[in-house]
Amino acid sequence: MAASAATLPPATPRVLVTGVSGFIGSWVAAALLQLGYRVRGTVRSLGRKPELNGLISGPHHELELVQADLTDPSGWPAAVAECDYIMHVASPYFLRNPKDAEAELYRPAVEGTLNVLRAASESARPPKRVIVTSSIAAMVNGHADTRDPAEPFTDDAWSNPDGPGVKPYSRSKTLAERAAWKFVSELPEGKRFELATVNPSGVMGPFLNSSDSGSGELVSTMLGGKMPMIANVGLPLVDIRDVVQAHIAAMTVPEAAGKRFAVNPIAAMMPEAARVYREAFAPYGYHVPSLVAPKPLLWLASWFDDTAGIAFTIAGRPPATNDNENARTLLGLPLITDPAPCLLAMGFSMIRHGMLPDKSEGHVLTRALRPDTSGRELPPHVADVREAMDAVMAPFAMPSVVQGLRRADGSVSGADIDLPGRVGIVTGADMSPAAETGL
């Protein structure tokens, strides 16, 4: 159970979550609130306040919203004030190459990160620790001619922003994370705080709202009938449950200070993802392609479409892999390696939020999705946050469960909590109409 108000410490830690309306930011904030923390979130416009306040709340505290823009330093001093921790999640993302990478990607990513860190360092009471959401894109790119492609990347690996084939998004994440480490290393003693980064791969899982996401755009293209053929490209993926878990553990585990945490445990290929969606959604009228595009066709399409050009350059290659050593050993995270649950959960939630049409007359929205976690042993210092995220998803009849994190009051619970009346459906084969389960 969530900690009662009586068990919360007199000064409950406050966490700032930047980009709280986004896919990752909304989940991090929701889990923190369920764990008893006070949460302040930044949005570019307070016009989203009614939507977010109704969506993200906790048993003890409501979400506090402030307005701040990555490229405008004026809003950040008030945003970071009196915060014990900062989760800097906000960052621009484009699935296609932007027209002006400097203005649309590099400057917001680097200057936005420095604006947050600078405000934190100049605060009357600097935070204890800042967690920056980076990406494996800051680790695995630009090495085509210098390493064995089958060798997993370590947590110390860095992308070469000027290396062969590096795309603007990868360059922006590398430059932003480099700038963060450099800034913190040069802080004087009185203004210094701890820094850690979480570097996920492509994040999949249920949306809490209809926020933009590069992964969501991929799923929308695949399920929305916009993809006539499948490119045989690698998909390095991570379940949103592991991403949330990594962020909060990186905030609370003492040994996490000064570390980078790759979370990239799922090595899939695009045809595999298409098969999962086809088995689950084709019976309801969704057309998911099964034909794999030959490489010459991708080359021809690359003259007219940026994404086809990207697919052409990496077609046939396995996805980049990381050893995830710090996440497994320092944070003790049992990472999810089955792609089906998070892929399906993202598709279901996109239908629920109107991001995709519901061709099933409501049938797919009666599904509960829960990965089989039987037999997993959690280390003693890792609390069970499954209950927290189940509580967030309960109104959606689609619980999202994760292993866990430390609560705001410092308590640790290792109980394996299951919500009564909800049936876990794990694989694509189980998602056939005959396996349909009402709640």
Protein backbone atom coordinates (compact mmCIF):
# COMPACT_ATOMS: atom_id res chain seq x y z
CA MET A 1 0.00 0.00 0.00
CA ALA A 2 1.06 3.58 -0.51
CA ALA A 3 2.60 5.27 2.49
CA SER A 4 -0.02 6.95 4.67
CA ALA A 5 0.13 10.66 5.40
CA ALA A 6 1.17 9.85 8.95
CA THR A 7 4.26 7.99 7.75
CA LEU A 8 5.50 10.71 5.39
CA PRO A 9 8.46 12.72 6.64
CA PRO A 10 7.71 16.30 7.80
CA ALA A 11 9.53 17.74 4.78
CA THR A 12 8.53 15.48 1.92
CA PRO A 13 11.06 15.78 -0.92
CA ARG A 14 9.97 17.89 -3.88
CA VAL A 15 10.97 16.72 -7.37
CA LEU A 16 10.92 18.93 -10.45
CA VAL A 17 9.99 17.03 -13.63
CA THR A 18 10.63 19.01 -16.81
CA GLY A 19 8.42 18.22 -19.79
CA VAL A 20 5.76 16.72 -17.52
CA SER A 21 3.18 16.56 -20.32
CA GLY A 22 5.37 14.26 -22.42
CA PHE A 23 5.36 10.47 -22.62
CA ILE A 24 8.23 9.81 -20.20
CA GLY A 25 7.72 12.91 -18.07
CA SER A 26 4.05 12.16 -17.36
CA TRP A 27 4.86 8.64 -16.22
CA VAL A 28 7.78 9.72 -14.02
CA ALA A 29 5.61 12.38 -12.36
CA ALA A 30 2.68 10.02 -11.85
CA ALA A 31 4.88 7.35 -10.26
CA LEU A 32 6.59 9.88 -7.99
CA LEU A 33 3.23 11.21 -6.77
CA GLN A 34 1.99 7.70 -6.07
CA LEU A 35 5.17 7.07 -4.08
CA GLY A 36 4.46 10.08 -1.88
CA TYR A 37 6.77 12.72 -3.34
CA ARG A 38 5.73 16.29 -4.02
CA VAL A 39 6.05 16.93 -7.75
CA ARG A 40 6.38 20.16 -9.68
CA GLY A 41 6.15 19.83 -13.44
CA THR A 42 7.05 22.24 -16.21
CA VAL A 43 4.96 22.85 -19.31
CA ARG A 44 5.38 25.38 -22.09
CA SER A 45 1.81 26.58 -21.57
CA LEU A 46 -0.36 26.48 -18.46
CA GLY A 47 -3.31 25.92 -20.76
CA ARG A 48 -2.73 22.18 -20.21
CA LYS A 49 -3.21 22.52 -16.44
CA PRO A 50 -6.81 21.14 -16.27
CA GLU A 51 -5.88 18.13 -18.41
CA LEU A 52 -2.77 17.24 -16.44
CA ASN A 53 -4.23 17.90 -12.99
CA GLY A 54 -7.05 15.52 -13.79
CA LEU A 55 -4.64 12.88 -15.08
CA ILE A 56 -1.63 12.96 -12.77
CA SER A 57 -2.27 13.01 -9.04
CA GLY A 58 -1.25 11.15 -5.91
CA PRO A 59 -2.71 10.06 -2.57
CA HIS A 60 -1.04 12.91 -0.66
CA HIS A 61 -0.12 15.65 -3.10
CA GLU A 62 -1.45 17.21 -6.28
CA LEU A 63 0.76 17.97 -9.26
CA GLU A 64 2.09 21.53 -9.19
CA LEU A 65 2.54 23.09 -12.63
CA VAL A 66 4.78 25.97 -13.67
CA GLN A 67 5.45 27.44 -17.09
CA ALA A 68 8.98 27.21 -18.50
CA ASP A 69 10.46 26.95 -21.98
CA LEU A 70 13.75 25.21 -22.73
CA THR A 71 15.10 28.12 -24.76
CA ASP A 72 14.00 30.88 -22.32
CA PRO A 73 16.13 31.05 -19.15
CA SER A 74 13.71 33.39 -17.36
CA GLY A 75 11.28 30.69 -16.23
CA TRP A 76 13.76 28.29 -14.68
CA PRO A 77 14.77 30.02 -11.40
CA ALA A 78 11.18 29.80 -10.15
CA ALA A 79 10.80 26.26 -11.50
CA VAL A 80 13.82 24.85 -9.63
CA ALA A 81 13.32 26.78 -6.39
CA GLU A 82 13.09 24.60 -3.26
CA CYS A 83 13.38 21.36 -5.25
CA ASP A 84 15.33 18.50 -3.67
CA TYR A 85 15.73 16.65 -6.97
CA ILE A 86 15.34 17.50 -10.64
CA MET A 87 14.32 15.11 -13.41
CA HIS A 88 15.24 16.91 -16.62
CA VAL A 89 13.19 14.90 -19.10
CA ALA A 90 12.19 17.58 -21.62
CA SER A 91 14.01 17.52 -24.95
CA PRO A 92 13.02 18.08 -28.59
CA TYR A 93 12.55 15.03 -30.81
CA PHE A 94 11.96 14.61 -34.55
CA LEU A 95 11.42 11.26 -36.27
CA ARG A 96 12.35 12.96 -39.54
CA ASN A 97 15.37 15.20 -39.96
CA PRO A 98 14.37 18.79 -39.11
CA LYS A 99 14.76 21.53 -41.69
CA ASP A 100 16.92 23.61 -39.35
CA ALA A 101 18.69 21.23 -36.96
CA GLU A 102 20.55 24.02 -35.20
CA ALA A 103 17.42 25.96 -34.29
CA GLU A 104 15.03 23.04 -33.84
CA LEU A 105 17.25 20.44 -32.16
CA TYR A 106 20.76 21.45 -31.11
CA ARG A 107 20.01 24.77 -29.48
CA PRO A 108 16.92 23.65 -27.51
CA ALA A 109 18.65 20.45 -26.37
CA VAL A 110 21.94 22.03 -25.26
CA GLU A 111 20.73 25.44 -24.13
CA GLY A 112 17.65 23.93 -22.49
CA THR A 113 19.77 21.55 -20.44
CA LEU A 114 22.17 24.31 -19.44
CA ASN A 115 19.30 26.64 -18.54
CA VAL A 116 17.96 24.07 -16.09
CA LEU A 117 21.37 23.25 -14.61
CA ARG A 118 22.39 26.90 -14.35
CA ALA A 119 19.19 27.79 -12.52
CA ALA A 120 19.71 24.84 -10.18
CA SER A 121 23.27 25.91 -9.37
CA GLU A 122 22.18 29.49 -8.65
CA SER A 123 19.25 28.49 -6.46
CA ALA A 124 19.40 29.49 -2.78
CA ARG A 125 19.25 25.77 -2.01
CA PRO A 126 20.66 23.70 -4.89
CA PRO A 127 19.13 20.25 -5.43
CA LYS A 128 20.78 17.13 -4.09
CA ARG A 129 20.83 15.45 -7.47
CA VAL A 130 19.77 16.07 -11.07
CA ILE A 131 18.77 13.23 -13.38
CA VAL A 132 19.07 14.07 -17.09
CA THR A 133 17.14 11.95 -19.57
CA SER A 134 19.63 11.30 -22.31
CA SER A 135 19.49 8.44 -24.83
CA ILE A 136 21.47 5.53 -26.18
CA ALA A 137 21.74 7.87 -29.19
CA ALA A 138 24.46 9.60 -27.13
CA MET A 139 26.30 6.27 -26.82
CA VAL A 140 26.04 4.07 -29.89
CA ASN A 141 26.41 6.18 -33.04
CA GLY A 142 29.30 7.34 -35.18
CA HIS A 143 31.44 4.22 -34.68
CA ALA A 144 30.77 2.39 -37.94
CA ASP A 145 34.44 2.03 -38.90
CA THR A 146 35.99 1.60 -35.47
CA ARG A 147 34.31 -1.29 -33.62
CA ASP A 148 32.66 -4.71 -33.87
CA PRO A 149 28.92 -4.02 -34.46
CA ALA A 150 27.99 -7.16 -32.49
CA GLU A 151 29.75 -5.96 -29.34
CA PRO A 152 27.41 -4.40 -26.74
CA PHE A 153 28.12 -0.80 -25.77
CA THR A 154 29.10 -0.11 -22.18
CA ASP A 155 27.75 2.69 -20.00
CA ASP A 156 30.96 4.63 -20.65
CA ALA A 157 30.50 4.67 -24.44
CA TRP A 158 29.95 7.97 -26.23
CA SER A 159 28.62 8.63 -29.71
CA ASN A 160 30.89 10.54 -32.05
CA PRO A 161 28.68 13.51 -33.05
CA ASP A 162 30.80 14.06 -36.15
CA GLY A 163 31.09 10.38 -37.04
CA PRO A 164 29.74 8.63 -40.14
CA GLY A 165 25.98 8.39 -40.43
CA VAL A 166 25.17 10.37 -37.27
CA LYS A 167 21.69 11.85 -37.51
CA PRO A 168 20.67 15.22 -36.01
CA TYR A 169 18.78 13.69 -33.06
CA SER A 170 21.79 11.61 -32.02
CA ARG A 171 24.04 14.63 -32.34
CA SER A 172 21.69 16.75 -30.21
CA LYS A 173 21.52 14.18 -27.40
CA THR A 174 25.30 13.73 -27.41
CA LEU A 175 26.01 17.46 -27.32
CA ALA A 176 23.41 18.06 -24.59
CA GLU A 177 24.67 15.28 -22.33
CA ARG A 178 28.32 16.29 -22.84
CA ALA A 179 27.38 19.86 -21.92
CA ALA A 180 25.64 18.68 -18.74
CA TRP A 181 28.63 16.69 -17.46
CA LYS A 182 31.02 19.53 -18.28
CA PHE A 183 28.84 22.13 -16.55
CA VAL A 184 28.50 20.15 -13.33
CA SER A 185 32.21 19.26 -13.23
CA GLU A 186 33.11 22.96 -13.30
CA LEU A 187 30.74 24.09 -10.54
CA PRO A 188 32.31 25.54 -7.37
CA GLU A 189 31.82 23.57 -4.17
CA GLY A 190 28.96 25.67 -2.78
CA LYS A 191 26.86 25.31 -5.92
CA ARG A 192 27.65 21.72 -6.82
CA PHE A 193 25.05 18.96 -6.99
CA GLU A 194 25.17 15.33 -8.07
CA LEU A 195 24.37 14.32 -11.64
CA ALA A 196 23.28 11.06 -13.23
CA THR A 197 21.88 10.30 -16.67
CA VAL A 198 19.37 7.71 -17.87
CA ASN A 199 19.97 6.66 -21.48
CA PRO A 200 16.98 4.72 -22.84
CA SER A 201 16.52 3.28 -26.30
CA GLY A 202 13.16 3.52 -28.10
CA VAL A 203 10.59 3.73 -25.30
CA MET A 204 7.41 1.68 -25.70
CA GLY A 205 4.41 1.25 -23.44
CA PRO A 206 1.06 2.83 -22.61
CA PHE A 207 0.49 6.57 -22.92
CA LEU A 208 -1.08 8.45 -20.04
CA ASN A 209 -2.25 11.14 -22.45
CA SER A 210 -2.09 11.97 -26.14
CA SER A 211 1.45 13.32 -25.98
CA ASP A 212 3.88 13.24 -28.89
CA SER A 213 6.49 10.51 -29.00
CA GLY A 214 8.85 9.22 -31.65
CA SER A 215 7.91 5.65 -30.71
CA GLY A 216 4.24 6.56 -30.88
CA GLU A 217 4.69 7.99 -34.34
CA LEU A 218 6.21 4.70 -35.45
CA VAL A 219 3.28 2.71 -34.02
CA SER A 220 0.78 5.15 -35.56
CA THR A 221 2.39 4.64 -38.95
CA MET A 222 2.34 0.87 -38.58
CA LEU A 223 -1.23 0.49 -37.27
CA GLY A 224 -2.67 3.44 -39.16
CA GLY A 225 -2.22 1.86 -42.58
CA LYS A 226 0.49 4.32 -43.59
CA MET A 227 3.24 1.73 -44.01
CA PRO A 228 2.81 -0.39 -47.17
CA MET A 229 5.92 -2.49 -46.48
CA ILE A 230 8.21 -3.17 -43.52
CA ALA A 231 11.85 -2.14 -43.51
CA ASN A 232 14.12 -4.81 -42.09
CA VAL A 233 15.76 -2.53 -39.55
CA GLY A 234 16.76 -3.05 -35.95
CA LEU A 235 14.62 -1.69 -33.12
CA PRO A 236 16.48 -1.21 -29.84
CA LEU A 237 13.61 -0.89 -27.34
CA VAL A 238 12.84 -0.49 -23.66
CA ASP A 239 9.61 -0.82 -21.73
CA ILE A 240 8.35 2.43 -20.15
CA ARG A 241 8.19 0.53 -16.83
CA ASP A 242 11.96 0.10 -16.88
CA VAL A 243 12.49 3.73 -17.88
CA VAL A 244 10.44 5.06 -14.95
CA GLN A 245 12.12 2.62 -12.61
CA ALA A 246 15.58 3.69 -13.78
CA HIS A 247 14.84 7.38 -13.32
CA ILE A 248 13.60 7.07 -9.75
CA ALA A 249 16.25 4.55 -8.74
CA ALA A 250 18.94 6.82 -10.22
CA MET A 251 17.53 9.56 -8.01
CA THR A 252 17.44 7.55 -4.77
CA VAL A 253 20.31 5.05 -4.90
CA PRO A 254 23.42 6.70 -3.38
CA GLU A 255 25.83 4.89 -5.70
CA ALA A 256 24.06 6.27 -8.78
CA ALA A 257 25.70 9.70 -8.43
CA GLY A 258 28.05 10.47 -11.30
CA LYS A 259 26.91 7.49 -13.37
CA ARG A 260 25.27 6.91 -16.74
CA PHE A 261 22.56 4.26 -17.03
CA ALA A 262 21.84 2.71 -20.40
CA VAL A 263 18.45 0.99 -20.45
CA ASN A 264 18.27 -0.88 -23.74
CA PRO A 265 17.32 -4.49 -22.94
CA ILE A 266 15.13 -5.36 -25.97
CA ALA A 267 16.81 -6.13 -29.31
CA ALA A 268 14.02 -6.47 -31.86
CA MET A 269 13.68 -6.14 -35.62
CA MET A 270 10.90 -4.21 -37.33
CA PRO A 271 9.34 -7.34 -38.91
CA GLU A 272 9.10 -8.87 -35.43
CA ALA A 273 7.24 -5.82 -34.10
CA ALA A 274 4.92 -5.90 -37.12
CA ARG A 275 4.13 -9.55 -36.42
CA VAL A 276 3.15 -8.74 -32.81
CA TYR A 277 0.80 -6.01 -34.02
CA ARG A 278 -0.56 -8.08 -36.88
CA GLU A 279 -1.52 -11.00 -34.63
CA ALA A 280 -3.21 -8.72 -32.10
CA PHE A 281 -4.90 -6.11 -34.29
CA ALA A 282 -5.50 -7.64 -37.74
CA PRO A 283 -8.63 -9.50 -36.53
CA TYR A 284 -10.17 -6.10 -35.78
CA GLY A 285 -9.58 -4.60 -39.21
CA TYR A 286 -6.13 -3.05 -38.76
CA HIS A 287 -3.83 -3.56 -41.73
CA VAL A 288 -0.27 -4.24 -40.63
CA PRO A 289 2.10 -5.01 -43.52
CA SER A 290 3.90 -8.33 -43.74
CA LEU A 291 6.05 -7.74 -46.84
CA VAL A 292 9.64 -6.65 -46.19
CA ALA A 293 10.88 -3.84 -48.42
CA PRO A 294 13.95 -4.82 -50.48
CA LYS A 295 16.93 -2.55 -50.03
CA PRO A 296 16.91 -1.19 -53.63
CA LEU A 297 13.34 0.01 -53.06
CA LEU A 298 14.41 1.78 -49.86
CA TRP A 299 17.21 3.46 -51.82
CA LEU A 300 14.72 4.70 -54.41
CA ALA A 301 12.30 5.93 -51.73
CA SER A 302 15.15 7.70 -49.91
CA TRP A 303 15.19 10.34 -52.64
CA PHE A 304 11.74 11.46 -51.52
CA ASP A 305 11.53 10.51 -47.82
CA ASP A 306 14.03 11.07 -44.98
CA THR A 307 12.86 8.07 -42.98
CA ALA A 308 13.34 5.79 -45.98
CA GLY A 309 16.87 7.15 -46.27
CA ILE A 310 17.56 6.31 -42.64
CA ALA A 311 16.08 2.82 -43.14
CA PHE A 312 18.25 2.28 -46.23
CA THR A 313 21.47 3.02 -44.32
CA ILE A 314 20.70 0.53 -41.51
CA ALA A 315 18.64 -2.13 -43.35
CA GLY A 316 19.63 -5.65 -42.36
CA ARG A 317 21.75 -4.59 -39.41
CA PRO A 318 20.87 -5.89 -35.94
CA PRO A 319 19.89 -3.20 -33.44
CA ALA A 320 22.55 -1.56 -31.30
CA THR A 321 22.85 -3.31 -27.95
CA ASN A 322 24.06 -2.16 -24.53
CA ASP A 323 25.23 -4.30 -21.65
CA ASN A 324 23.05 -2.24 -19.25
CA GLU A 325 25.60 -3.04 -16.55
CA ASN A 326 25.00 -0.05 -14.28
CA ALA A 327 21.22 -0.43 -14.41
CA ARG A 328 21.46 -4.11 -13.51
CA THR A 329 24.17 -3.95 -10.86
CA LEU A 330 24.09 -0.47 -9.29
CA LEU A 331 20.31 -0.05 -9.49
CA GLY A 332 19.47 -3.75 -9.30
CA LEU A 333 16.84 -3.53 -12.04
CA PRO A 334 15.42 -6.75 -13.52
CA LEU A 335 14.95 -5.42 -17.04
CA ILE A 336 12.11 -6.63 -19.27
CA THR A 337 13.33 -8.32 -22.47
CA ASP A 338 10.03 -9.39 -24.09
CA PRO A 339 8.95 -6.73 -26.63
CA ALA A 340 5.31 -7.84 -26.93
CA PRO A 341 3.82 -6.34 -23.73
CA CYS A 342 5.12 -2.82 -24.26
CA LEU A 343 4.38 -2.84 -27.99
CA LEU A 344 0.79 -3.92 -27.43
CA ALA A 345 0.25 -1.58 -24.50
CA MET A 346 1.31 1.39 -26.62
CA GLY A 347 -1.10 0.39 -29.39
CA PHE A 348 -4.01 -0.08 -26.98
CA SER A 349 -3.41 3.24 -25.25
CA MET A 350 -3.18 5.11 -28.55
CA ILE A 351 -6.64 3.83 -29.42
CA ARG A 352 -7.96 4.82 -25.99
CA HIS A 353 -6.62 8.36 -26.33
CA GLY A 354 -7.94 8.81 -29.87
CA MET A 355 -4.48 8.79 -31.44
CA LEU A 356 -5.61 5.85 -33.58
CA PRO A 357 -9.16 4.98 -34.70
CA ASP A 358 -10.92 2.18 -32.82
CA LYS A 359 -11.93 -0.28 -35.53
CA SER A 360 -12.87 -2.95 -32.97
CA GLU A 361 -16.08 -1.37 -31.59
CA GLY A 362 -14.45 -1.17 -28.17
CA HIS A 363 -13.19 -4.75 -27.92
CA VAL A 364 -9.48 -4.00 -27.71
CA LEU A 365 -10.13 -1.56 -24.87
CA THR A 366 -11.41 -4.32 -22.59
CA ARG A 367 -7.93 -5.82 -22.36
CA ALA A 368 -5.69 -5.80 -19.34
CA LEU A 369 -2.03 -6.11 -20.14
CA ARG A 370 0.48 -7.38 -17.62
CA PRO A 371 3.86 -9.01 -18.31
CA ASP A 372 4.52 -12.24 -16.49
CA THR A 373 6.96 -11.37 -13.71
CA SER A 374 6.67 -14.58 -11.72
CA GLY A 375 9.95 -15.74 -10.29
CA ARG A 376 11.66 -12.37 -10.44
CA GLU A 377 13.66 -11.60 -7.33
CA LEU A 378 14.08 -7.97 -6.37
CA PRO A 379 17.16 -6.84 -4.46
CA PRO A 380 16.37 -5.67 -0.90
CA HIS A 381 17.02 -1.98 -1.61
CA VAL A 382 14.57 -1.84 -4.53
CA ALA A 383 11.00 -1.10 -3.46
CA ASP A 384 7.98 -2.30 -5.36
CA VAL A 385 6.60 0.50 -7.53
CA ARG A 386 4.23 -1.82 -9.34
CA GLU A 387 1.41 -0.73 -7.06
CA ALA A 388 2.10 2.92 -7.85
CA MET A 389 1.82 2.53 -11.61
CA ASP A 390 -1.11 0.14 -11.34
CA ALA A 391 -2.92 2.83 -9.35
CA VAL A 392 -2.27 5.32 -12.15
CA MET A 393 -3.52 2.96 -14.84
CA ALA A 394 -6.53 1.57 -12.92
CA PRO A 395 -9.02 4.09 -14.37
CA PHE A 396 -7.97 3.02 -17.86
CA ALA A 397 -8.72 -0.68 -17.25
CA MET A 398 -5.23 -1.33 -18.55
CA PRO A 399 -2.80 -1.59 -15.62
CA SER A 400 0.88 -1.05 -16.23
CA VAL A 401 3.04 -2.81 -13.68
CA VAL A 402 6.68 -2.37 -12.81
CA GLN A 403 9.16 -3.40 -10.22
CA GLY A 404 10.20 -0.84 -7.99
CA LEU A 405 11.55 2.06 -6.27
CA ARG A 406 11.99 3.76 -2.93
CA ARG A 407 9.09 5.76 -1.55
CA ALA A 408 9.25 9.36 -0.37
CA ASP A 409 9.28 8.23 3.28
CA GLY A 410 12.27 5.98 2.60
CA SER A 411 10.36 2.71 3.09
CA VAL A 412 11.00 -0.34 0.93
CA SER A 413 8.32 -2.87 0.02
CA GLY A 414 9.13 -6.01 -1.91
CA ALA A 415 5.59 -7.39 -2.10
CA ASP A 416 4.47 -8.70 -5.47
CA ILE A 417 1.15 -6.90 -5.79
CA ASP A 418 -1.48 -7.95 -8.28
CA LEU A 419 -4.74 -6.12 -8.87
CA PRO A 420 -7.74 -8.44 -8.40
CA GLY A 421 -9.93 -9.11 -11.39
CA ARG A 422 -7.28 -8.27 -13.99
CA VAL A 423 -5.91 -10.94 -16.29
CA GLY A 424 -2.40 -10.64 -17.69
CA ILE A 425 -2.12 -11.20 -21.44
CA VAL A 426 1.49 -11.55 -22.44
CA THR A 427 2.08 -12.66 -25.99
CA GLY A 428 0.76 -11.80 -29.41
CA ALA A 429 -0.77 -15.26 -29.72
CA ASP A 430 -2.81 -14.65 -26.56
CA MET A 431 -4.33 -11.55 -28.12
CA SER A 432 -6.54 -13.44 -30.53
CA PRO A 433 -10.31 -12.71 -30.32
CA ALA A 434 -10.88 -16.06 -28.63
CA ALA A 435 -8.61 -14.99 -25.78
CA GLU A 436 -10.57 -11.81 -25.11
CA THR A 437 -11.05 -11.13 -21.40
CA GLY A 438 -13.43 -8.59 -19.94
CA LEU A 439 -12.66 -6.71 -16.75
